[in-house]
Amino acid sequence: MGTLAAVLAGKKIRTVQDLFKATVTGDIEDVDGVLKITRINVHYELKVPAENREDAKESLDTYLSLCPGAQSVIGCIDITHELTMEDL
């Protein structure tokens, strides 16, 4: 969430508490007798001015390459993300 917020801030999109939130879910599976996290899904919600929607979409498309947490597990855990926007 922090990396996406930083990318959004770089585009002058505010991410204060009442404007930006994330819900994270995941799957844990038995892999060869060991419980492993196999999938993580992050659903972001952002209240944003209509004129900033494209910048917000672009930010979602690029932030994972900058995210230390995601980069640490990509290849081991399937990560998906999505963004729902509401007009501010």
C-alpha atoms as a PDB file:
ATOM      1  CA  MET A   1       0.000   0.000   0.000  1.00  0.00           C
ATOM      2  CA  GLY A   2       2.861   2.345   0.799  1.00  0.00           C
ATOM      3  CA  THR A   3       4.569   1.959  -2.556  1.00  0.00           C
ATOM      4  CA  LEU A   4       1.364   2.606  -4.488  1.00  0.00           C
ATOM      5  CA  ALA A   5       0.666   5.623  -2.255  1.00  0.00           C
ATOM      6  CA  ALA A   6       4.145   6.977  -3.046  1.00  0.00           C
ATOM      7  CA  VAL A   7       3.618   6.538  -6.790  1.00  0.00           C
ATOM      8  CA  LEU A   8       0.207   8.233  -6.536  1.00  0.00           C
ATOM      9  CA  ALA A   9       1.730  11.086  -4.503  1.00  0.00           C
ATOM     10  CA  GLY A  10       4.255  11.579  -7.287  1.00  0.00           C
ATOM     11  CA  LYS A  11       1.306  12.242  -9.568  1.00  0.00           C
ATOM     12  CA  LYS A  12      -0.220  14.657  -7.019  1.00  0.00           C
ATOM     13  CA  ILE A  13      -3.002  12.214  -6.070  1.00  0.00           C
ATOM     14  CA  ARG A  14      -3.806  12.369  -2.368  1.00  0.00           C
ATOM     15  CA  THR A  15      -3.958   9.133  -0.368  1.00  0.00           C
ATOM     16  CA  VAL A  16      -4.926  10.246   3.114  1.00  0.00           C
ATOM     17  CA  GLN A  17      -6.792   7.733   5.260  1.00  0.00           C
ATOM     18  CA  ASP A  18     -10.328   8.591   4.165  1.00  0.00           C
ATOM     19  CA  LEU A  19      -9.407   8.556   0.451  1.00  0.00           C
ATOM     20  CA  PHE A  20      -7.357   5.367   0.108  1.00  0.00           C
ATOM     21  CA  LYS A  21      -7.678   1.864   1.517  1.00  0.00           C
ATOM     22  CA  ALA A  22      -6.776  -1.709   0.690  1.00  0.00           C
ATOM     23  CA  THR A  23      -8.342  -5.063   1.412  1.00  0.00           C
ATOM     24  CA  VAL A  24      -5.951  -7.994   1.174  1.00  0.00           C
ATOM     25  CA  THR A  25      -6.976 -11.628   0.847  1.00  0.00           C
ATOM     26  CA  GLY A  26      -4.982 -14.725   0.117  1.00  0.00           C
ATOM     27  CA  ASP A  27      -4.991 -18.456  -0.324  1.00  0.00           C
ATOM     28  CA  ILE A  28      -3.074 -20.943   1.764  1.00  0.00           C
ATOM     29  CA  GLU A  29      -2.703 -24.399   0.252  1.00  0.00           C
ATOM     30  CA  ASP A  30      -1.132 -27.698   1.164  1.00  0.00           C
ATOM     31  CA  VAL A  31       1.849 -28.097  -1.148  1.00  0.00           C
ATOM     32  CA  ASP A  32       3.561 -31.440  -0.664  1.00  0.00           C
ATOM     33  CA  GLY A  33       2.461 -31.550   2.971  1.00  0.00           C
ATOM     34  CA  VAL A  34       3.499 -27.972   3.753  1.00  0.00           C
ATOM     35  CA  LEU A  35       1.041 -25.105   4.129  1.00  0.00           C
ATOM     36  CA  LYS A  36       2.101 -22.300   1.810  1.00  0.00           C
ATOM     37  CA  ILE A  37       0.692 -18.928   0.841  1.00  0.00           C
ATOM     38  CA  THR A  38       0.062 -19.396  -2.868  1.00  0.00           C
ATOM     39  CA  ARG A  39      -1.964 -16.306  -3.815  1.00  0.00           C
ATOM     40  CA  ILE A  40      -2.402 -12.760  -2.572  1.00  0.00           C
ATOM     41  CA  ASN A  41      -5.062 -10.412  -3.926  1.00  0.00           C
ATOM     42  CA  VAL A  42      -5.032  -6.723  -3.076  1.00  0.00           C
ATOM     43  CA  HIS A  43      -8.154  -4.676  -3.732  1.00  0.00           C
ATOM     44  CA  TYR A  44      -7.472  -0.948  -3.541  1.00  0.00           C
ATOM     45  CA  GLU A  45     -10.183   1.676  -3.192  1.00  0.00           C
ATOM     46  CA  LEU A  46      -9.379   5.269  -4.058  1.00  0.00           C
ATOM     47  CA  LYS A  47     -11.431   8.435  -4.057  1.00  0.00           C
ATOM     48  CA  VAL A  48      -9.927  10.564  -6.786  1.00  0.00           C
ATOM     49  CA  PRO A  49     -10.885  13.564  -8.942  1.00  0.00           C
ATOM     50  CA  ALA A  50     -12.125  12.421 -12.347  1.00  0.00           C
ATOM     51  CA  GLU A  51      -9.243  14.188 -14.093  1.00  0.00           C
ATOM     52  CA  ASN A  52      -6.737  11.982 -12.198  1.00  0.00           C
ATOM     53  CA  ARG A  53      -8.252   8.586 -13.046  1.00  0.00           C
ATOM     54  CA  GLU A  54      -5.817   7.795 -15.856  1.00  0.00           C
ATOM     55  CA  ASP A  55      -2.837   8.669 -13.667  1.00  0.00           C
ATOM     56  CA  ALA A  56      -4.216   6.406 -10.932  1.00  0.00           C
ATOM     57  CA  LYS A  57      -4.631   3.517 -13.384  1.00  0.00           C
ATOM     58  CA  GLU A  58      -1.082   4.041 -14.656  1.00  0.00           C
ATOM     59  CA  SER A  59       0.203   4.042 -11.077  1.00  0.00           C
ATOM     60  CA  LEU A  60      -1.463   0.687 -10.401  1.00  0.00           C
ATOM     61  CA  ASP A  61       0.125  -0.735 -13.533  1.00  0.00           C
ATOM     62  CA  THR A  62       3.646   0.310 -12.504  1.00  0.00           C
ATOM     63  CA  TYR A  63       4.011   0.245  -8.704  1.00  0.00           C
ATOM     64  CA  LEU A  64       4.671  -3.508  -8.284  1.00  0.00           C
ATOM     65  CA  SER A  65       8.065  -3.193  -9.930  1.00  0.00           C
ATOM     66  CA  LEU A  66       9.018  -0.707  -7.182  1.00  0.00           C
ATOM     67  CA  CYS A  67       7.461  -2.555  -4.217  1.00  0.00           C
ATOM     68  CA  PRO A  68      10.029  -4.309  -1.982  1.00  0.00           C
ATOM     69  CA  GLY A  69       7.448  -6.703  -0.531  1.00  0.00           C
ATOM     70  CA  ALA A  70       6.069  -7.737  -3.897  1.00  0.00           C
ATOM     71  CA  GLN A  71       9.523  -8.054  -5.443  1.00  0.00           C
ATOM     72  CA  SER A  72      10.552 -10.327  -2.571  1.00  0.00           C
ATOM     73  CA  VAL A  73       7.822 -12.896  -3.301  1.00  0.00           C
ATOM     74  CA  ILE A  74       7.076 -12.575  -7.028  1.00  0.00           C
ATOM     75  CA  GLY A  75       7.784 -15.965  -8.552  1.00  0.00           C
ATOM     76  CA  CYS A  76       6.800 -17.742  -5.328  1.00  0.00           C
ATOM     77  CA  ILE A  77       3.372 -16.250  -4.666  1.00  0.00           C
ATOM     78  CA  ASP A  78       0.848 -15.197  -7.309  1.00  0.00           C
ATOM     79  CA  ILE A  79      -0.031 -11.531  -6.696  1.00  0.00           C
ATOM     80  CA  THR A  80      -3.077  -9.876  -8.207  1.00  0.00           C
ATOM     81  CA  HIS A  81      -4.315  -6.368  -7.635  1.00  0.00           C
ATOM     82  CA  GLU A  82      -7.219  -4.229  -8.675  1.00  0.00           C
ATOM     83  CA  LEU A  83      -8.333  -0.650  -8.166  1.00  0.00           C
ATOM     84  CA  THR A  84     -11.843   0.642  -7.670  1.00  0.00           C
ATOM     85  CA  MET A  85     -12.163   4.396  -8.000  1.00  0.00           C
ATOM     86  CA  GLU A  86     -14.851   6.705  -6.746  1.00  0.00           C
ATOM     87  CA  ASP A  87     -15.150  10.317  -7.909  1.00  0.00           C
ATOM     88  CA  LEU A  88     -14.005  12.865  -5.388  1.00  0.00           C
END
